[in-house]
Amino acid sequence: LINSLLTLATSERGVEQWTPFDLGEVTENVLLSRAHEAERRGIRINARAAAAPALGDPILVESLVSNLVDNALRHNVSGGNVEVSTVAAPGRATLSVHNTGRLISSDEVERLFQPLQQIGRERVSHTNGHGLGLSIVRAIAQAHGATITAIPRSEGGLDVEVKFTSVRVDVIT
């Protein structure tokens, strides 16, 4: 909990040093570190981590990717799926994380991105997580000037997309 709160506070301060990084490489490293957990939970990860150059704080972005992947695993169902991809477009790098899981209503999605918020009794009663993961994701995305969208899937789960720019947002005139 303390580490999550520190990450949230750090990300809310913003990016102190803008550095080029490859979102695909960051994502691939996170996925490798989560492979055992996915196997333990009976969840299949499908990944397409293409090179996707971006600019920002790669350590914060690794935390963003980690929180999205952890959330997709934690709030999934046994035998479920997590799909993760990175894509490059001119001036933009996009991370997409899709997971199967319980049904989420569209009016509950915004609340998921607020600190210490979870949906449903089963989300509150588990011991994995504190309801900070998606608020950390939002803070890091905002610090990078990235856009984030989350859409509940009709069959259960969530589709999350984060779009980073490959230029510093505070330098654009």
Foldseek 3Di string as FASTA:
>chain_A
DVVLVVLLVVLLVFFPDKDKDWLLVLLVVLCVVCVVVCVVQQEEEAEARDTAIAITDSVLSSLLSNLLVVVQSVQAHHNKYWYWYWDYDAQKIKIKIWIAHAFDDPVCVVVLLDAQDDDDPVRVPDPPDRSRSNVSNVSNLVSQVWDKDWDADPRHTIMIMIMGGRDRPVVDD
